[in-house]
C-alpha cells in the first residue's frame, strides 16, 4: 500500500510541474502573409509594440518576451506574478506576452498580442513545443535566459533583472 501511495504522490508532482503543449487549434503559424512591415517600429517607454518581430526591435532596455496560451493553466497561474514583476520594473524594461492562441489573458496591466512572426524558436534558436516559455534579452539584444515549458521561473528572471537594471 505504501508503494501505491508514493506512486500517486509522484504522479501528482510530475503532472503539476509539467507544461502545456503549445499545440492548439487556433495557433497562428509563423510567416503569416498579413504581417505588417516591422522594420522601423519603435519601442514605447512603457510597452513593446505588438508589431515588433525581431530581437533587434527590443534593443534599448532589458526585455522579457513570454509565450503562453490562454488554454494553459500554468500560463494563467503565472499572470499575477508576471504583473508584479512588470509593475516593479516597468520603467526599466520591456515586457510582451505573445499569446499563441490569438486570445487575451485576463490582465489589463500586461502588454499582450499574438505575433506569429516572433517565435520562441526564432528568438532563442532552441526548439520548444510547450508553454509557458520566455526569453530574457539584455539592453543590447543578447539573450541572457530562456525557459521552455517551465524550465526556469519568473524568480530567475527577477534575479537577473535586478542585476541588469542596477548596472
Protein backbone atom coordinates (compact mmCIF):
# COMPACT_ATOMS: atom_id res chain seq x y z
CA UNK A 1 0.00 0.00 0.00
CA UNK A 2 2.88 2.33 0.76
CA UNK A 3 4.24 1.90 -2.79
CA UNK A 4 0.87 2.85 -4.26
CA UNK A 5 0.75 5.97 -2.12
CA UNK A 6 4.22 7.02 -3.31
CA UNK A 7 3.26 6.32 -6.91
CA UNK A 8 0.25 8.65 -6.70
CA UNK A 9 2.29 11.34 -4.97
CA UNK A 10 4.99 11.14 -7.63
CA UNK A 11 2.39 11.18 -10.42
CA UNK A 12 0.76 14.25 -8.92
CA UNK A 13 4.11 16.07 -8.70
CA UNK A 14 5.02 15.24 -12.29
CA UNK A 15 1.64 16.43 -13.57
CA UNK A 16 1.70 19.63 -11.53
CA UNK A 17 5.18 20.55 -12.76
CA UNK A 18 4.51 19.74 -16.38
CA UNK A 19 3.96 22.32 -19.07
CA UNK A 20 1.16 22.72 -21.53
CA UNK A 21 1.64 21.72 -25.11
CA UNK A 22 1.82 24.67 -27.46
CA UNK A 23 -0.48 22.88 -29.90
CA UNK A 24 -3.86 24.50 -30.28
CA UNK A 25 -6.48 24.55 -33.00
CA UNK A 26 -6.23 28.31 -33.25
CA UNK A 27 -2.45 28.77 -33.16
CA UNK A 28 -1.25 31.24 -35.75
CA UNK A 29 1.55 29.93 -37.94
CA UNK A 30 4.79 31.83 -38.49
CA UNK A 31 5.18 33.52 -41.83
CA UNK A 32 1.60 34.78 -41.95
CA UNK A 33 1.40 36.94 -45.10
CA UNK A 34 -0.84 39.50 -43.34
CA UNK A 35 2.03 40.62 -41.07
CA UNK A 36 2.97 44.29 -41.24
CA UNK A 37 6.42 45.51 -42.23
CA UNK A 38 8.06 45.83 -38.81
CA UNK A 39 11.46 47.14 -39.81
CA UNK A 40 11.05 50.69 -38.47
CA UNK A 41 8.75 50.25 -35.48
CA UNK A 42 9.90 51.97 -32.28
CA UNK A 43 9.67 50.73 -28.71
CA UNK A 44 7.42 52.72 -26.39
CA UNK A 45 8.77 53.65 -22.97
CA UNK A 46 6.13 51.53 -21.24
CA UNK A 47 5.44 48.59 -23.55
CA UNK A 48 6.67 46.87 -26.67
CA UNK A 49 4.64 47.49 -29.79
CA UNK A 50 2.75 44.39 -30.77
CA UNK A 51 4.22 44.60 -34.26
CA UNK A 52 7.90 44.12 -33.36
CA UNK A 53 9.01 40.87 -34.92
CA UNK A 54 12.78 40.73 -34.45
CA UNK A 55 15.07 40.65 -31.44
CA UNK A 56 16.76 43.82 -32.72
CA UNK A 57 13.48 45.65 -32.16
CA UNK A 58 13.83 45.12 -28.41
CA UNK A 59 17.21 46.85 -28.02
CA UNK A 60 17.50 49.71 -25.55
CA UNK A 61 16.10 48.08 -22.40
CA UNK A 62 16.13 44.60 -20.94
CA UNK A 63 13.14 42.81 -22.45
CA UNK A 64 11.05 39.84 -21.39
CA UNK A 65 9.08 38.04 -24.07
CA UNK A 66 6.63 35.44 -22.76
CA UNK A 67 4.87 32.88 -24.97
CA UNK A 68 1.68 31.48 -23.50
CA UNK A 69 -1.75 30.17 -24.30
CA UNK A 70 -4.98 31.15 -22.59
CA UNK A 71 -5.91 27.44 -22.52
CA UNK A 72 -2.84 26.65 -20.37
CA UNK A 73 -3.44 26.62 -16.59
CA UNK A 74 0.29 27.16 -15.89
CA UNK A 75 0.27 30.27 -18.08
CA UNK A 76 -2.83 31.64 -16.34
CA UNK A 77 -1.30 30.98 -12.92
CA UNK A 78 1.82 32.95 -13.82
CA UNK A 79 -0.07 36.14 -14.74
CA UNK A 80 -0.24 37.62 -11.19
CA UNK A 81 3.50 37.01 -10.65
CA UNK A 82 4.26 38.50 -14.07
CA UNK A 83 2.09 41.54 -13.24
CA UNK A 84 4.10 42.12 -10.03
CA UNK A 85 7.38 41.83 -11.93
CA UNK A 86 6.17 44.20 -14.64
CA UNK A 87 4.82 46.73 -12.12
CA UNK A 88 8.15 46.73 -10.27
CA UNK A 89 10.37 47.15 -13.35
CA UNK A 90 8.09 48.68 -15.99
CA UNK A 91 10.11 51.89 -16.31
CA UNK A 92 13.34 49.96 -16.79
CA UNK A 93 12.30 47.06 -19.02
CA UNK A 94 10.02 45.97 -21.84
CA UNK A 95 7.53 43.13 -21.45
CA UNK A 96 5.43 41.42 -24.05
CA UNK A 97 3.19 38.38 -23.76
CA UNK A 98 2.94 36.71 -27.13
CA UNK A 99 -0.32 34.76 -26.87
CA UNK A 100 -0.12 31.80 -29.23
CA UNK A 101 -3.86 31.11 -29.38
CA UNK A 102 -4.77 34.62 -30.55
CA UNK A 103 -6.82 35.37 -27.42
CA UNK A 104 -6.14 37.60 -24.43
CA UNK A 105 -5.25 36.81 -20.86
CA UNK A 106 -7.36 38.39 -18.14
CA UNK A 107 -4.99 41.26 -17.39
CA UNK A 108 -5.11 44.95 -18.13
CA UNK A 109 -1.61 45.62 -16.84
CA UNK A 110 0.50 43.49 -19.17
CA UNK A 111 1.10 44.25 -22.85
CA UNK A 112 -0.01 41.23 -24.90
CA UNK A 113 -0.53 40.35 -28.52
CA UNK A 114 -0.43 37.48 -30.97
CA UNK A 115 2.62 37.94 -33.16
CA UNK A 116 3.27 34.78 -35.18
CA UNK A 117 6.42 36.30 -36.66
CA UNK A 118 8.08 36.34 -33.23
CA UNK A 119 8.53 32.72 -32.16
CA UNK A 120 10.42 31.22 -29.24
CA UNK A 121 12.41 29.10 -31.69
CA UNK A 122 13.44 32.19 -33.69
CA UNK A 123 14.45 34.26 -30.66
CA UNK A 124 16.30 31.54 -28.73
CA UNK A 125 17.48 29.23 -31.53
CA UNK A 126 16.01 26.45 -29.38
CA UNK A 127 13.02 24.31 -30.29
CA UNK A 128 10.16 24.40 -27.81
CA UNK A 129 6.70 22.91 -28.17
CA UNK A 130 5.44 23.96 -24.73
CA UNK A 131 4.12 26.99 -22.89
CA UNK A 132 4.76 28.92 -20.81
CA UNK A 133 8.05 29.82 -22.40
CA UNK A 134 10.06 33.00 -22.13
CA UNK A 135 13.23 34.75 -23.20
CA UNK A 136 15.01 37.50 -21.28
CA UNK A 137 17.04 39.76 -23.55
CA UNK A 138 19.51 42.39 -22.36
CA UNK A 139 19.50 46.03 -23.49
CA UNK A 140 21.92 45.22 -26.34
CA UNK A 141 19.65 42.48 -27.72
CA UNK A 142 21.54 39.43 -26.42
CA UNK A 143 19.54 36.61 -24.86
CA UNK A 144 20.54 36.03 -21.24
CA UNK A 145 17.91 33.50 -20.13
CA UNK A 146 15.42 31.20 -21.82
CA UNK A 147 12.82 28.80 -20.48
CA UNK A 148 10.70 26.25 -22.30
CA UNK A 149 7.69 24.83 -20.52
CA UNK A 150 8.64 25.88 -17.02
CA UNK A 151 12.38 25.05 -17.02
CA UNK A 152 13.02 28.37 -15.24
CA UNK A 153 10.81 30.61 -13.13
CA UNK A 154 9.96 34.29 -13.00
CA UNK A 155 12.06 34.40 -9.81
CA UNK A 156 15.05 33.53 -12.02
CA UNK A 157 14.08 36.41 -14.31
CA UNK A 158 13.79 38.84 -11.40
CA UNK A 159 17.18 37.83 -10.01
CA UNK A 160 18.83 38.62 -13.35
CA UNK A 161 16.79 41.79 -13.91
CA UNK A 162 17.78 43.23 -10.55
CA UNK A 163 21.43 42.91 -11.56
CA UNK A 164 20.91 44.08 -15.17
CA UNK A 165 18.96 47.18 -14.19
CA UNK A 166 21.29 48.33 -11.41
CA UNK A 167 24.34 48.25 -13.70
